[in-house]
C-alpha atoms as a PDB file:
ATOM      1  CA  MET A   1      59.324 -17.305  75.151  1.00  0.00           C
ATOM      2  CA  ARG A   2      61.231 -17.923  78.396  1.00  0.00           C
ATOM      3  CA  VAL A   3      62.001 -21.485  77.411  1.00  0.00           C
ATOM      4  CA  ARG A   4      63.305 -20.352  74.017  1.00  0.00           C
ATOM      5  CA  ALA A   5      65.531 -17.658  75.544  1.00  0.00           C
ATOM      6  CA  ARG A   6      66.760 -20.078  78.197  1.00  0.00           C
ATOM      7  CA  SER A   7      67.534 -22.777  75.635  1.00  0.00           C
ATOM      8  CA  THR A   8      69.277 -20.227  73.404  1.00  0.00           C
ATOM      9  CA  ILE A   9      71.475 -19.091  76.301  1.00  0.00           C
ATOM     10  CA  LEU A  10      72.225 -22.687  77.242  1.00  0.00           C
ATOM     11  CA  ALA A  11      73.079 -23.514  73.630  1.00  0.00           C
ATOM     12  CA  ALA A  12      75.468 -20.557  73.467  1.00  0.00           C
ATOM     13  CA  TRP A  13      77.038 -21.578  76.745  1.00  0.00           C
ATOM     14  CA  ALA A  14      77.417 -25.156  75.522  1.00  0.00           C
ATOM     15  CA  ALA A  15      79.025 -23.921  72.314  1.00  0.00           C
ATOM     16  CA  ALA A  16      81.432 -21.780  74.321  1.00  0.00           C
ATOM     17  CA  ALA A  17      82.294 -24.722  76.556  1.00  0.00           C
ATOM     18  CA  GLY A  18      82.832 -26.886  73.480  1.00  0.00           C
ATOM     19  CA  LEU A  19      85.200 -24.317  72.016  1.00  0.00           C
ATOM     20  CA  ALA A  20      87.115 -24.144  75.277  1.00  0.00           C
ATOM     21  CA  LEU A  21      87.421 -27.923  75.465  1.00  0.00           C
ATOM     22  CA  ALA A  22      88.426 -28.173  71.809  1.00  0.00           C
ATOM     23  CA  GLY A  23      91.447 -26.001  72.549  1.00  0.00           C
ATOM     24  CA  CYS A  24      92.592 -28.332  75.347  1.00  0.00           C
ATOM     25  CA  GLY A  25      93.903 -31.241  73.283  1.00  0.00           C
ATOM     26  CA  GLY A  26      96.638 -32.173  75.727  1.00  0.00           C
ATOM     27  CA  GLY A  27      98.722 -33.464  72.819  1.00  0.00           C
ATOM     28  CA  ASP A  28      98.395 -37.178  73.576  1.00  0.00           C
ATOM     29  CA  LYS A  29      98.630 -39.782  70.825  1.00  0.00           C
ATOM     30  CA  GLN A  30      95.142 -41.135  71.429  1.00  0.00           C
ATOM     31  CA  ALA A  31      93.645 -37.719  70.622  1.00  0.00           C
ATOM     32  CA  ALA A  32      95.799 -37.543  67.486  1.00  0.00           C
ATOM     33  CA  ASP A  33      94.496 -40.935  66.341  1.00  0.00           C
ATOM     34  CA  ALA A  34      90.857 -39.942  66.885  1.00  0.00           C
ATOM     35  CA  ALA A  35      88.541 -38.868  64.086  1.00  0.00           C
ATOM     36  CA  PRO A  36      89.781 -35.908  62.026  1.00  0.00           C
ATOM     37  CA  SER A  37      88.950 -32.513  63.425  1.00  0.00           C
ATOM     38  CA  ALA A  38      89.441 -28.875  62.545  1.00  0.00           C
ATOM     39  CA  PRO A  39      92.928 -27.489  63.077  1.00  0.00           C
ATOM     40  CA  PRO A  40      93.385 -25.700  66.406  1.00  0.00           C
ATOM     41  CA  THR A  41      92.512 -22.035  66.388  1.00  0.00           C
ATOM     42  CA  THR A  42      95.507 -19.807  66.864  1.00  0.00           C
ATOM     43  CA  LEU A  43      94.884 -16.651  68.805  1.00  0.00           C
ATOM     44  CA  ALA A  44      96.574 -13.380  68.018  1.00  0.00           C
ATOM     45  CA  PRO A  45      97.763 -11.188  70.869  1.00  0.00           C
ATOM     46  CA  LEU A  46      95.143  -8.798  72.204  1.00  0.00           C
ATOM     47  CA  PRO A  47      95.334  -5.387  70.558  1.00  0.00           C
ATOM     48  CA  ALA A  48      95.453  -2.259  72.703  1.00  0.00           C
ATOM     49  CA  VAL A  49      91.919  -1.011  73.240  1.00  0.00           C
ATOM     50  CA  LYS A  50      91.434   2.743  73.417  1.00  0.00           C
ATOM     51  CA  PRO A  51      88.707   4.011  75.778  1.00  0.00           C
ATOM     52  CA  ALA A  52      87.300   6.184  72.969  1.00  0.00           C
ATOM     53  CA  ASP A  53      86.794   3.058  70.818  1.00  0.00           C
ATOM     54  CA  VAL A  54      84.686   1.280  73.447  1.00  0.00           C
ATOM     55  CA  LYS A  55      82.947   4.306  74.975  1.00  0.00           C
ATOM     56  CA  PRO A  56      79.540   3.464  73.386  1.00  0.00           C
ATOM     57  CA  LEU A  57      79.783  -0.054  74.848  1.00  0.00           C
ATOM     58  CA  VAL A  58      80.608   0.959  78.444  1.00  0.00           C
ATOM     59  CA  GLY A  59      77.929   0.059  80.974  1.00  0.00           C
ATOM     60  CA  ARG A  60      75.440  -2.708  81.628  1.00  0.00           C
ATOM     61  CA  TRP A  61      73.335  -4.301  78.867  1.00  0.00           C
ATOM     62  CA  VAL A  62      70.394  -6.344  80.106  1.00  0.00           C
ATOM     63  CA  GLY A  63      68.816  -9.266  78.254  1.00  0.00           C
ATOM     64  CA  ALA A  64      65.376 -10.853  78.528  1.00  0.00           C
ATOM     65  CA  ALA A  65      66.804 -14.129  79.884  1.00  0.00           C
ATOM     66  CA  LYS A  66      67.951 -12.556  83.176  1.00  0.00           C
ATOM     67  CA  ASP A  67      71.458 -12.176  81.819  1.00  0.00           C
ATOM     68  CA  TYR A  68      73.613  -9.158  81.136  1.00  0.00           C
ATOM     69  CA  PHE A  69      76.851  -7.886  79.653  1.00  0.00           C
ATOM     70  CA  GLN A  70      78.929  -5.356  81.590  1.00  0.00           C
ATOM     71  CA  PHE A  71      81.760  -3.428  79.910  1.00  0.00           C
ATOM     72  CA  LYS A  72      84.355  -1.027  81.328  1.00  0.00           C
ATOM     73  CA  ALA A  73      86.230   1.844  79.652  1.00  0.00           C
ATOM     74  CA  ASN A  74      89.350  -0.309  79.179  1.00  0.00           C
ATOM     75  CA  GLY A  75      87.369  -2.776  77.051  1.00  0.00           C
ATOM     76  CA  SER A  76      87.123  -5.492  79.684  1.00  0.00           C
ATOM     77  CA  GLY A  77      83.773  -7.152  80.024  1.00  0.00           C
ATOM     78  CA  VAL A  78      81.718 -10.006  81.434  1.00  0.00           C
ATOM     79  CA  TRP A  79      78.589 -11.890  80.444  1.00  0.00           C
ATOM     80  CA  VAL A  80      76.642 -13.070  83.479  1.00  0.00           C
ATOM     81  CA  ARG A  81      73.489 -15.067  84.064  1.00  0.00           C
ATOM     82  CA  GLY A  82      72.372 -15.396  87.650  1.00  0.00           C
ATOM     83  CA  ARG A  83      75.629 -15.707  89.537  1.00  0.00           C
ATOM     84  CA  GLN A  84      77.404 -17.592  86.755  1.00  0.00           C
ATOM     85  CA  LYS A  85      79.983 -15.853  84.611  1.00  0.00           C
ATOM     86  CA  LEU A  86      79.536 -17.160  81.059  1.00  0.00           C
ATOM     87  CA  TRP A  87      82.369 -15.124  79.529  1.00  0.00           C
ATOM     88  CA  SER A  88      84.944 -12.606  80.650  1.00  0.00           C
ATOM     89  CA  GLY A  89      87.564 -10.915  78.567  1.00  0.00           C
ATOM     90  CA  THR A  90      88.008  -7.958  76.238  1.00  0.00           C
ATOM     91  CA  ALA A  91      85.716  -6.379  73.671  1.00  0.00           C
ATOM     92  CA  ILE A  92      87.849  -5.683  70.600  1.00  0.00           C
ATOM     93  CA  PRO A  93      86.552  -2.887  68.343  1.00  0.00           C
ATOM     94  CA  GLU A  94      86.016  -3.880  64.705  1.00  0.00           C
ATOM     95  CA  GLY A  95      84.475  -0.582  63.596  1.00  0.00           C
ATOM     96  CA  GLY A  96      80.938   0.251  62.601  1.00  0.00           C
ATOM     97  CA  GLY A  97      79.603  -0.456  66.099  1.00  0.00           C
ATOM     98  CA  LYS A  98      80.829  -4.067  66.060  1.00  0.00           C
ATOM     99  CA  TYR A  99      83.025  -5.676  68.707  1.00  0.00           C
ATOM    100  CA  ARG A 100      84.458  -9.198  68.793  1.00  0.00           C
ATOM    101  CA  PHE A 101      85.284 -10.843  72.101  1.00  0.00           C
ATOM    102  CA  SER A 102      88.642 -12.132  73.202  1.00  0.00           C
ATOM    103  CA  TRP A 103      88.900 -15.846  73.888  1.00  0.00           C
ATOM    104  CA  ASN A 104      91.250 -17.463  76.401  1.00  0.00           C
ATOM    105  CA  GLY A 105      93.297 -14.262  76.634  1.00  0.00           C
ATOM    106  CA  GLY A 106      93.831 -13.882  72.883  1.00  0.00           C
ATOM    107  CA  ASP A 107      92.206 -12.333  69.838  1.00  0.00           C
ATOM    108  CA  PRO A 108      90.394 -14.928  67.698  1.00  0.00           C
ATOM    109  CA  LYS A 109      90.075 -12.390  64.826  1.00  0.00           C
ATOM    110  CA  ALA A 110      87.641 -14.627  62.909  1.00  0.00           C
ATOM    111  CA  ALA A 111      85.050 -15.540  65.557  1.00  0.00           C
ATOM    112  CA  SER A 112      82.443 -13.008  64.490  1.00  0.00           C
ATOM    113  CA  TYR A 113      79.708 -15.037  66.223  1.00  0.00           C
ATOM    114  CA  TRP A 114      81.403 -14.281  69.555  1.00  0.00           C
ATOM    115  CA  GLY A 115      80.784 -10.561  69.759  1.00  0.00           C
ATOM    116  CA  VAL A 116      78.170  -7.819  69.673  1.00  0.00           C
ATOM    117  CA  ALA A 117      76.854  -5.145  67.328  1.00  0.00           C
ATOM    118  CA  LEU A 118      75.370  -1.878  68.582  1.00  0.00           C
ATOM    119  CA  SER A 119      72.154  -0.494  67.159  1.00  0.00           C
ATOM    120  CA  GLU A 120      72.389   2.825  65.314  1.00  0.00           C
ATOM    121  CA  ASP A 121      70.961   4.723  68.294  1.00  0.00           C
ATOM    122  CA  LYS A 122      73.349   2.860  70.648  1.00  0.00           C
ATOM    123  CA  ALA A 123      70.440   1.985  72.962  1.00  0.00           C
ATOM    124  CA  SER A 124      70.645  -1.748  72.309  1.00  0.00           C
ATOM    125  CA  LEU A 125      73.064  -4.383  71.093  1.00  0.00           C
ATOM    126  CA  VAL A 126      72.740  -7.825  69.567  1.00  0.00           C
ATOM    127  CA  PHE A 127      74.945 -10.670  70.764  1.00  0.00           C
ATOM    128  CA  ALA A 128      75.849 -12.663  67.658  1.00  0.00           C
ATOM    129  CA  GLY A 129      76.263 -15.906  69.626  1.00  0.00           C
ATOM    130  CA  THR A 130      72.540 -16.094  70.422  1.00  0.00           C
ATOM    131  CA  ASN A 131      71.068 -13.332  68.238  1.00  0.00           C
ATOM    132  CA  GLN A 132      69.536 -11.906  71.426  1.00  0.00           C
ATOM    133  CA  THR A 133      69.003  -8.185  71.938  1.00  0.00           C
ATOM    134  CA  TYR A 134      70.228  -6.427  75.084  1.00  0.00           C
ATOM    135  CA  LYS A 135      69.068  -2.986  76.211  1.00  0.00           C
ATOM    136  CA  LYS A 136      71.340  -0.394  77.767  1.00  0.00           C
ATOM    137  CA  ALA A 137      70.534  -0.105  81.470  1.00  0.00           C
ATOM    138  CA  ALA A 138      70.254   3.305  83.030  1.00  0.00           C
ATOM    139  CA  ALA A 139      73.412   4.306  84.894  1.00  0.00           C
ATOM    140  CA  ARG A 140      73.082   3.761  88.622  1.00  0.00           C
ATOM    141  CA  LYS A 141      73.756   6.664  90.942  1.00  0.00           C
ATOM    142  CA  GLY A 142      77.156   6.554  92.566  1.00  0.00           C
ATOM    143  CA  THR A 143      78.777   4.316  89.948  1.00  0.00           C
ATOM    144  CA  GLY A 144      80.823   7.122  88.422  1.00  0.00           C
END
């Protein structure tokens, strides 16, 4: 099970890295002459996130692969494994307990695989990028 979770996390990280590199075309002619590729993704500006809209998401969500998501009341968040930050940005509410993640400072609007969905009881969430479940960690004393 550990190998599967580890490979799933690595696959998600590789996909994220691939998306980041795909957006860095540099505009040179050689890249333009290369094999056809998908048109570049345009990112919308980030919408204002209201604390009430992300309140159920605030806190730390721990996964089985020694990774976690951490979200703040302003919607900002990180995904961390070990000491490596795999993603940081903003959780954008979609409604119905679903949140998509910002990418490179913008709102991808259509990247539903890069976000999370809360369970009905709000005690766990599923990250769509890996289909892994994360459990809400108990609040630590002194963290406000």
